[in-house]
Amino acid sequence: MTSEHFKSVPQILMELPAAEKQKLCAEVKAFIKNLQWNDARQLIYLVMKNPAVKAKVVGVLTTYLTKTLKAKIRYGE
């Protein structure tokens, strides 16, 4: 994690071009479209308490990072 090439996932997502953010957002929306939520906090809670939805969202993100961006994922300790 001390490598100069290391970037956190939030940092990578913030640096994405708008078109890529929209593409990734559309993929995630497919899994959360049936959830009833009013704000981001509630959406995060609903996703985190539903293991199936959480796994799908993480899967979309992981696939995007590894296939599209050719990133290598390293989990923190």
PDB file of N, CA and C in Angstrom:
ATOM      1  N   MET A   1       0.810  -1.197   0.000  1.00  0.00           N
ATOM      2  CA  MET A   1       0.000   0.000   0.000  1.00  0.00           C
ATOM      3  C   MET A   1       0.856   1.264   0.000  1.00  0.00           C
ATOM      4  N   THR A   2       2.142   1.115   0.132  1.00  0.00           N
ATOM      5  CA  THR A   2       3.006   2.283   0.092  1.00  0.00           C
ATOM      6  C   THR A   2       3.511   2.545  -1.323  1.00  0.00           C
ATOM      7  N   SER A   3       3.130   1.716  -2.266  1.00  0.00           N
ATOM      8  CA  SER A   3       3.535   1.910  -3.645  1.00  0.00           C
ATOM      9  C   SER A   3       2.991   3.229  -4.171  1.00  0.00           C
ATOM     10  N   GLU A   4       3.764   3.890  -5.019  1.00  0.00           N
ATOM     11  CA  GLU A   4       3.297   5.155  -5.577  1.00  0.00           C
ATOM     12  C   GLU A   4       2.136   4.958  -6.539  1.00  0.00           C
ATOM     13  N   HIS A   5       1.863   3.718  -6.942  1.00  0.00           N
ATOM     14  CA  HIS A   5       0.760   3.438  -7.853  1.00  0.00           C
ATOM     15  C   HIS A   5      -0.533   3.128  -7.116  1.00  0.00           C
ATOM     16  N   PHE A   6      -0.478   3.018  -5.814  1.00  0.00           N
ATOM     17  CA  PHE A   6      -1.662   2.677  -5.041  1.00  0.00           C
ATOM     18  C   PHE A   6      -2.650   3.832  -5.023  1.00  0.00           C
ATOM     19  N   LYS A   7      -3.910   3.477  -5.259  1.00  0.00           N
ATOM     20  CA  LYS A   7      -5.000   4.431  -5.099  1.00  0.00           C
ATOM     21  C   LYS A   7      -6.131   3.690  -4.422  1.00  0.00           C
ATOM     22  N   SER A   8      -6.799   4.362  -3.519  1.00  0.00           N
ATOM     23  CA  SER A   8      -7.945   3.755  -2.864  1.00  0.00           C
ATOM     24  C   SER A   8      -9.121   3.731  -3.846  1.00  0.00           C
ATOM     25  N   VAL A   9     -10.070   2.846  -3.587  1.00  0.00           N
ATOM     26  CA  VAL A   9     -11.245   2.753  -4.459  1.00  0.00           C
ATOM     27  C   VAL A   9     -11.993   4.088  -4.513  1.00  0.00           C
ATOM     28  N   PRO A  10     -12.248   4.741  -3.374  1.00  0.00           N
ATOM     29  CA  PRO A  10     -12.925   6.046  -3.476  1.00  0.00           C
ATOM     30  C   PRO A  10     -12.161   7.048  -4.338  1.00  0.00           C
ATOM     31  N   GLN A  11     -10.837   7.035  -4.244  1.00  0.00           N
ATOM     32  CA  GLN A  11     -10.034   7.951  -5.053  1.00  0.00           C
ATOM     33  C   GLN A  11     -10.180   7.624  -6.533  1.00  0.00           C
ATOM     34  N   ILE A  12     -10.149   6.340  -6.872  1.00  0.00           N
ATOM     35  CA  ILE A  12     -10.322   5.923  -8.267  1.00  0.00           C
ATOM     36  C   ILE A  12     -11.681   6.374  -8.778  1.00  0.00           C
ATOM     37  N   LEU A  13     -12.710   6.158  -7.993  1.00  0.00           N
ATOM     38  CA  LEU A  13     -14.067   6.527  -8.411  1.00  0.00           C
ATOM     39  C   LEU A  13     -14.205   8.035  -8.595  1.00  0.00           C
ATOM     40  N   MET A  14     -13.594   8.814  -7.721  1.00  0.00           N
ATOM     41  CA  MET A  14     -13.674  10.278  -7.835  1.00  0.00           C
ATOM     42  C   MET A  14     -12.969  10.782  -9.100  1.00  0.00           C
ATOM     43  N   GLU A  15     -11.940  10.056  -9.548  1.00  0.00           N
ATOM     44  CA  GLU A  15     -11.167  10.493 -10.705  1.00  0.00           C
ATOM     45  C   GLU A  15     -11.734  10.008 -12.039  1.00  0.00           C
ATOM     46  N   LEU A  16     -12.773   9.202 -11.992  1.00  0.00           N
ATOM     47  CA  LEU A  16     -13.363   8.700 -13.235  1.00  0.00           C
ATOM     48  C   LEU A  16     -14.002   9.834 -14.032  1.00  0.00           C
ATOM     49  N   PRO A  17     -13.939   9.734 -15.351  1.00  0.00           N
ATOM     50  CA  PRO A  17     -14.671  10.704 -16.177  1.00  0.00           C
ATOM     51  C   PRO A  17     -16.182  10.545 -15.945  1.00  0.00           C
ATOM     52  N   ALA A  18     -16.917  11.595 -16.187  1.00  0.00           N
ATOM     53  CA  ALA A  18     -18.364  11.588 -15.944  1.00  0.00           C
ATOM     54  C   ALA A  18     -19.070  10.447 -16.673  1.00  0.00           C
ATOM     55  N   ALA A  19     -18.683  10.172 -17.895  1.00  0.00           N
ATOM     56  CA  ALA A  19     -19.330   9.103 -18.666  1.00  0.00           C
ATOM     57  C   ALA A  19     -19.120   7.738 -18.014  1.00  0.00           C
ATOM     58  N   GLU A  20     -17.938   7.504 -17.472  1.00  0.00           N
ATOM     59  CA  GLU A  20     -17.648   6.231 -16.801  1.00  0.00           C
ATOM     60  C   GLU A  20     -18.419   6.130 -15.486  1.00  0.00           C
ATOM     61  N   LYS A  21     -18.537   7.241 -14.779  1.00  0.00           N
ATOM     62  CA  LYS A  21     -19.323   7.253 -13.544  1.00  0.00           C
ATOM     63  C   LYS A  21     -20.773   6.900 -13.845  1.00  0.00           C
ATOM     64  N   GLN A  22     -21.308   7.462 -14.926  1.00  0.00           N
ATOM     65  CA  GLN A  22     -22.700   7.177 -15.312  1.00  0.00           C
ATOM     66  C   GLN A  22     -22.876   5.712 -15.676  1.00  0.00           C
ATOM     67  N   LYS A  23     -21.925   5.150 -16.385  1.00  0.00           N
ATOM     68  CA  LYS A  23     -21.988   3.741 -16.786  1.00  0.00           C
ATOM     69  C   LYS A  23     -21.993   2.838 -15.553  1.00  0.00           C
ATOM     70  N   LEU A  24     -21.096   3.095 -14.641  1.00  0.00           N
ATOM     71  CA  LEU A  24     -20.998   2.310 -13.418  1.00  0.00           C
ATOM     72  C   LEU A  24     -22.260   2.488 -12.567  1.00  0.00           C
ATOM     73  N   CYS A  25     -22.755   3.695 -12.487  1.00  0.00           N
ATOM     74  CA  CYS A  25     -23.970   3.984 -11.727  1.00  0.00           C
ATOM     75  C   CYS A  25     -25.162   3.225 -12.308  1.00  0.00           C
ATOM     76  N   ALA A  26     -25.272   3.177 -13.603  1.00  0.00           N
ATOM     77  CA  ALA A  26     -26.382   2.461 -14.251  1.00  0.00           C
ATOM     78  C   ALA A  26     -26.332   0.968 -13.934  1.00  0.00           C
ATOM     79  N   GLU A  27     -25.137   0.411 -13.896  1.00  0.00           N
ATOM     80  CA  GLU A  27     -24.998  -1.007 -13.569  1.00  0.00           C
ATOM     81  C   GLU A  27     -25.439  -1.288 -12.129  1.00  0.00           C
ATOM     82  N   VAL A  28     -25.071  -0.422 -11.220  1.00  0.00           N
ATOM     83  CA  VAL A  28     -25.451  -0.609  -9.812  1.00  0.00           C
ATOM     84  C   VAL A  28     -26.951  -0.383  -9.628  1.00  0.00           C
ATOM     85  N   LYS A  29     -27.498   0.588 -10.317  1.00  0.00           N
ATOM     86  CA  LYS A  29     -28.928   0.888 -10.199  1.00  0.00           C
ATOM     87  C   LYS A  29     -29.794  -0.315 -10.547  1.00  0.00           C
ATOM     88  N   ALA A  30     -29.305  -1.165 -11.418  1.00  0.00           N
ATOM     89  CA  ALA A  30     -30.071  -2.356 -11.785  1.00  0.00           C
ATOM     90  C   ALA A  30     -30.335  -3.245 -10.572  1.00  0.00           C
ATOM     91  N   PHE A  31     -29.444  -3.223  -9.603  1.00  0.00           N
ATOM     92  CA  PHE A  31     -29.590  -4.071  -8.415  1.00  0.00           C
ATOM     93  C   PHE A  31     -30.326  -3.375  -7.270  1.00  0.00           C
ATOM     94  N   ILE A  32     -30.367  -2.058  -7.295  1.00  0.00           N
ATOM     95  CA  ILE A  32     -30.995  -1.344  -6.178  1.00  0.00           C
ATOM     96  C   ILE A  32     -32.337  -0.722  -6.557  1.00  0.00           C
ATOM     97  N   LYS A  33     -32.779  -0.959  -7.778  1.00  0.00           N
ATOM     98  CA  LYS A  33     -33.989  -0.279  -8.258  1.00  0.00           C
ATOM     99  C   LYS A  33     -35.243  -0.611  -7.456  1.00  0.00           C
ATOM    100  N   ASN A  34     -35.291  -1.760  -6.827  1.00  0.00           N
ATOM    101  CA  ASN A  34     -36.476  -2.143  -6.065  1.00  0.00           C
ATOM    102  C   ASN A  34     -36.422  -1.750  -4.597  1.00  0.00           C
ATOM    103  N   LEU A  35     -35.324  -1.177  -4.165  1.00  0.00           N
ATOM    104  CA  LEU A  35     -35.210  -0.728  -2.779  1.00  0.00           C
ATOM    105  C   LEU A  35     -35.908   0.625  -2.620  1.00  0.00           C
ATOM    106  N   GLN A  36     -36.593   0.797  -1.525  1.00  0.00           N
ATOM    107  CA  GLN A  36     -37.275   2.061  -1.224  1.00  0.00           C
ATOM    108  C   GLN A  36     -36.383   2.874  -0.289  1.00  0.00           C
ATOM    109  N   TRP A  37     -35.889   4.010  -0.765  1.00  0.00           N
ATOM    110  CA  TRP A  37     -34.997   4.823   0.043  1.00  0.00           C
ATOM    111  C   TRP A  37     -35.236   6.309  -0.225  1.00  0.00           C
ATOM    112  N   ASN A  38     -34.871   7.137   0.760  1.00  0.00           N
ATOM    113  CA  ASN A  38     -35.078   8.579   0.661  1.00  0.00           C
ATOM    114  C   ASN A  38     -33.786   9.378   0.510  1.00  0.00           C
ATOM    115  N   ASP A  39     -32.690   8.836   1.027  1.00  0.00           N
ATOM    116  CA  ASP A  39     -31.421   9.547   0.942  1.00  0.00           C
ATOM    117  C   ASP A  39     -30.274   8.532   0.891  1.00  0.00           C
ATOM    118  N   ALA A  40     -29.078   9.041   0.664  1.00  0.00           N
ATOM    119  CA  ALA A  40     -27.907   8.171   0.524  1.00  0.00           C
ATOM    120  C   ALA A  40     -27.658   7.342   1.780  1.00  0.00           C
ATOM    121  N   ARG A  41     -27.859   7.933   2.924  1.00  0.00           N
ATOM    122  CA  ARG A  41     -27.632   7.214   4.187  1.00  0.00           C
ATOM    123  C   ARG A  41     -28.546   5.990   4.291  1.00  0.00           C
ATOM    124  N   GLN A  42     -29.799   6.176   3.961  1.00  0.00           N
ATOM    125  CA  GLN A  42     -30.753   5.074   4.013  1.00  0.00           C
ATOM    126  C   GLN A  42     -30.427   4.016   2.954  1.00  0.00           C
ATOM    127  N   LEU A  43     -30.020   4.448   1.773  1.00  0.00           N
ATOM    128  CA  LEU A  43     -29.649   3.502   0.718  1.00  0.00           C
ATOM    129  C   LEU A  43     -28.462   2.646   1.155  1.00  0.00           C
ATOM    130  N   ILE A  44     -27.457   3.270   1.718  1.00  0.00           N
ATOM    131  CA  ILE A  44     -26.279   2.532   2.197  1.00  0.00           C
ATOM    132  C   ILE A  44     -26.691   1.512   3.245  1.00  0.00           C
ATOM    133  N   TYR A  45     -27.546   1.915   4.169  1.00  0.00           N
ATOM    134  CA  TYR A  45     -28.026   1.000   5.201  1.00  0.00           C
ATOM    135  C   TYR A  45     -28.747  -0.195   4.577  1.00  0.00           C
ATOM    136  N   LEU A  46     -29.624   0.061   3.628  1.00  0.00           N
ATOM    137  CA  LEU A  46     -30.388  -1.016   2.995  1.00  0.00           C
ATOM    138  C   LEU A  46     -29.489  -1.982   2.227  1.00  0.00           C
ATOM    139  N   VAL A  47     -28.506  -1.450   1.533  1.00  0.00           N
ATOM    140  CA  VAL A  47     -27.580  -2.306   0.785  1.00  0.00           C
ATOM    141  C   VAL A  47     -26.732  -3.127   1.750  1.00  0.00           C
ATOM    142  N   MET A  48     -26.238  -2.500   2.794  1.00  0.00           N
ATOM    143  CA  MET A  48     -25.349  -3.191   3.726  1.00  0.00           C
ATOM    144  C   MET A  48     -26.070  -4.278   4.517  1.00  0.00           C
ATOM    145  N   LYS A  49     -27.364  -4.138   4.760  1.00  0.00           N
ATOM    146  CA  LYS A  49     -28.079  -5.156   5.538  1.00  0.00           C
ATOM    147  C   LYS A  49     -28.619  -6.293   4.663  1.00  0.00           C
ATOM    148  N   ASN A  50     -28.525  -6.149   3.350  1.00  0.00           N
ATOM    149  CA  ASN A  50     -29.004  -7.180   2.433  1.00  0.00           C
ATOM    150  C   ASN A  50     -27.800  -7.845   1.771  1.00  0.00           C
ATOM    151  N   PRO A  51     -27.372  -9.022   2.253  1.00  0.00           N
ATOM    152  CA  PRO A  51     -26.158  -9.660   1.735  1.00  0.00           C
ATOM    153  C   PRO A  51     -26.181  -9.903   0.227  1.00  0.00           C
ATOM    154  N   ALA A  52     -27.332 -10.224  -0.336  1.00  0.00           N
ATOM    155  CA  ALA A  52     -27.404 -10.496  -1.773  1.00  0.00           C
ATOM    156  C   ALA A  52     -27.167  -9.223  -2.583  1.00  0.00           C
ATOM    157  N   VAL A  53     -27.805  -8.145  -2.193  1.00  0.00           N
ATOM    158  CA  VAL A  53     -27.631  -6.872  -2.904  1.00  0.00           C
ATOM    159  C   VAL A  53     -26.211  -6.357  -2.703  1.00  0.00           C
ATOM    160  N   LYS A  54     -25.722  -6.460  -1.477  1.00  0.00           N
ATOM    161  CA  LYS A  54     -24.355  -6.014  -1.182  1.00  0.00           C
ATOM    162  C   LYS A  54     -23.349  -6.766  -2.042  1.00  0.00           C
ATOM    163  N   ALA A  55     -23.509  -8.074  -2.146  1.00  0.00           N
ATOM    164  CA  ALA A  55     -22.587  -8.891  -2.953  1.00  0.00           C
ATOM    165  C   ALA A  55     -22.637  -8.491  -4.428  1.00  0.00           C
ATOM    166  N   LYS A  56     -23.822  -8.190  -4.920  1.00  0.00           N
ATOM    167  CA  LYS A  56     -23.945  -7.797  -6.329  1.00  0.00           C
ATOM    168  C   LYS A  56     -23.303  -6.440  -6.586  1.00  0.00           C
ATOM    169  N   VAL A  57     -23.502  -5.494  -5.676  1.00  0.00           N
ATOM    170  CA  VAL A  57     -22.894  -4.174  -5.829  1.00  0.00           C
ATOM    171  C   VAL A  57     -21.369  -4.279  -5.770  1.00  0.00           C
ATOM    172  N   VAL A  58     -20.861  -5.024  -4.812  1.00  0.00           N
ATOM    173  CA  VAL A  58     -19.409  -5.220  -4.713  1.00  0.00           C
ATOM    174  C   VAL A  58     -18.890  -5.947  -5.957  1.00  0.00           C
ATOM    175  N   GLY A  59     -19.649  -6.903  -6.451  1.00  0.00           N
ATOM    176  CA  GLY A  59     -19.255  -7.625  -7.654  1.00  0.00           C
ATOM    177  C   GLY A  59     -19.171  -6.726  -8.872  1.00  0.00           C
ATOM    178  N   VAL A  60     -20.139  -5.845  -9.041  1.00  0.00           N
ATOM    179  CA  VAL A  60     -20.117  -4.898 -10.165  1.00  0.00           C
ATOM    180  C   VAL A  60     -18.889  -4.006 -10.060  1.00  0.00           C
ATOM    181  N   LEU A  61     -18.633  -3.496  -8.872  1.00  0.00           N
ATOM    182  CA  LEU A  61     -17.488  -2.618  -8.662  1.00  0.00           C
ATOM    183  C   LEU A  61     -16.171  -3.355  -8.900  1.00  0.00           C
ATOM    184  N   THR A  62     -16.063  -4.564  -8.360  1.00  0.00           N
ATOM    185  CA  THR A  62     -14.848  -5.358  -8.530  1.00  0.00           C
ATOM    186  C   THR A  62     -14.604  -5.678 -10.006  1.00  0.00           C
ATOM    187  N   THR A  63     -15.641  -6.077 -10.695  1.00  0.00           N
ATOM    188  CA  THR A  63     -15.518  -6.391 -12.121  1.00  0.00           C
ATOM    189  C   THR A  63     -15.092  -5.158 -12.901  1.00  0.00           C
ATOM    190  N   TYR A  64     -15.705  -4.034 -12.604  1.00  0.00           N
ATOM    191  CA  TYR A  64     -15.353  -2.798 -13.303  1.00  0.00           C
ATOM    192  C   TYR A  64     -13.879  -2.448 -13.084  1.00  0.00           C
ATOM    193  N   LEU A  65     -13.447  -2.519 -11.833  1.00  0.00           N
ATOM    194  CA  LEU A  65     -12.058  -2.163 -11.524  1.00  0.00           C
ATOM    195  C   LEU A  65     -11.057  -3.109 -12.168  1.00  0.00           C
ATOM    196  N   THR A  66     -11.358  -4.399 -12.142  1.00  0.00           N
ATOM    197  CA  THR A  66     -10.386  -5.373 -12.650  1.00  0.00           C
ATOM    198  C   THR A  66     -10.438  -5.538 -14.168  1.00  0.00           C
ATOM    199  N   LYS A  67     -11.614  -5.509 -14.743  1.00  0.00           N
ATOM    200  CA  LYS A  67     -11.736  -5.743 -16.193  1.00  0.00           C
ATOM    201  C   LYS A  67     -11.557  -4.455 -17.003  1.00  0.00           C
ATOM    202  N   THR A  68     -12.256  -3.413 -16.594  1.00  0.00           N
ATOM    203  CA  THR A  68     -12.222  -2.170 -17.364  1.00  0.00           C
ATOM    204  C   THR A  68     -10.951  -1.373 -17.096  1.00  0.00           C
ATOM    205  N   LEU A  69     -10.606  -1.226 -15.824  1.00  0.00           N
ATOM    206  CA  LEU A  69      -9.444  -0.411 -15.470  1.00  0.00           C
ATOM    207  C   LEU A  69      -8.162  -1.210 -15.312  1.00  0.00           C
ATOM    208  N   LYS A  70      -8.275  -2.531 -15.391  1.00  0.00           N
ATOM    209  CA  LYS A  70      -7.109  -3.426 -15.226  1.00  0.00           C
ATOM    210  C   LYS A  70      -6.398  -3.196 -13.895  1.00  0.00           C
ATOM    211  N   ALA A  71      -7.186  -2.897 -12.877  1.00  0.00           N
ATOM    212  CA  ALA A  71      -6.632  -2.654 -11.539  1.00  0.00           C
ATOM    213  C   ALA A  71      -6.476  -3.973 -10.793  1.00  0.00           C
ATOM    214  N   LYS A  72      -5.521  -4.005  -9.918  1.00  0.00           N
ATOM    215  CA  LYS A  72      -5.347  -5.151  -9.025  1.00  0.00           C
ATOM    216  C   LYS A  72      -5.863  -4.735  -7.665  1.00  0.00           C
ATOM    217  N   ILE A  73      -6.749  -5.546  -7.134  1.00  0.00           N
ATOM    218  CA  ILE A  73      -7.365  -5.210  -5.845  1.00  0.00           C
ATOM    219  C   ILE A  73      -6.583  -5.871  -4.721  1.00  0.00           C
ATOM    220  N   ARG A  74      -6.235  -5.068  -3.733  1.00  0.00           N
ATOM    221  CA  ARG A  74      -5.579  -5.573  -2.531  1.00  0.00           C
ATOM    222  C   ARG A  74      -6.400  -5.118  -1.358  1.00  0.00           C
ATOM    223  N   TYR A  75      -6.820  -6.065  -0.554  1.00  0.00           N
ATOM    224  CA  TYR A  75      -7.654  -5.757   0.599  1.00  0.00           C
ATOM    225  C   TYR A  75      -6.795  -5.355   1.783  1.00  0.00           C
ATOM    226  N   GLY A  76      -7.243  -4.349   2.518  1.00  0.00           N
ATOM    227  CA  GLY A  76      -6.517  -3.858   3.694  1.00  0.00           C
ATOM    228  C   GLY A  76      -6.484  -4.890   4.790  1.00  0.00           C
ATOM    229  N   GLU A  77      -5.568  -4.703   5.701  1.00  0.00           N
ATOM    230  CA  GLU A  77      -5.381  -5.638   6.813  1.00  0.00           C
ATOM    231  C   GLU A  77      -6.117  -5.183   8.024  1.00  0.00           C
TER     232      GLU A  77
END
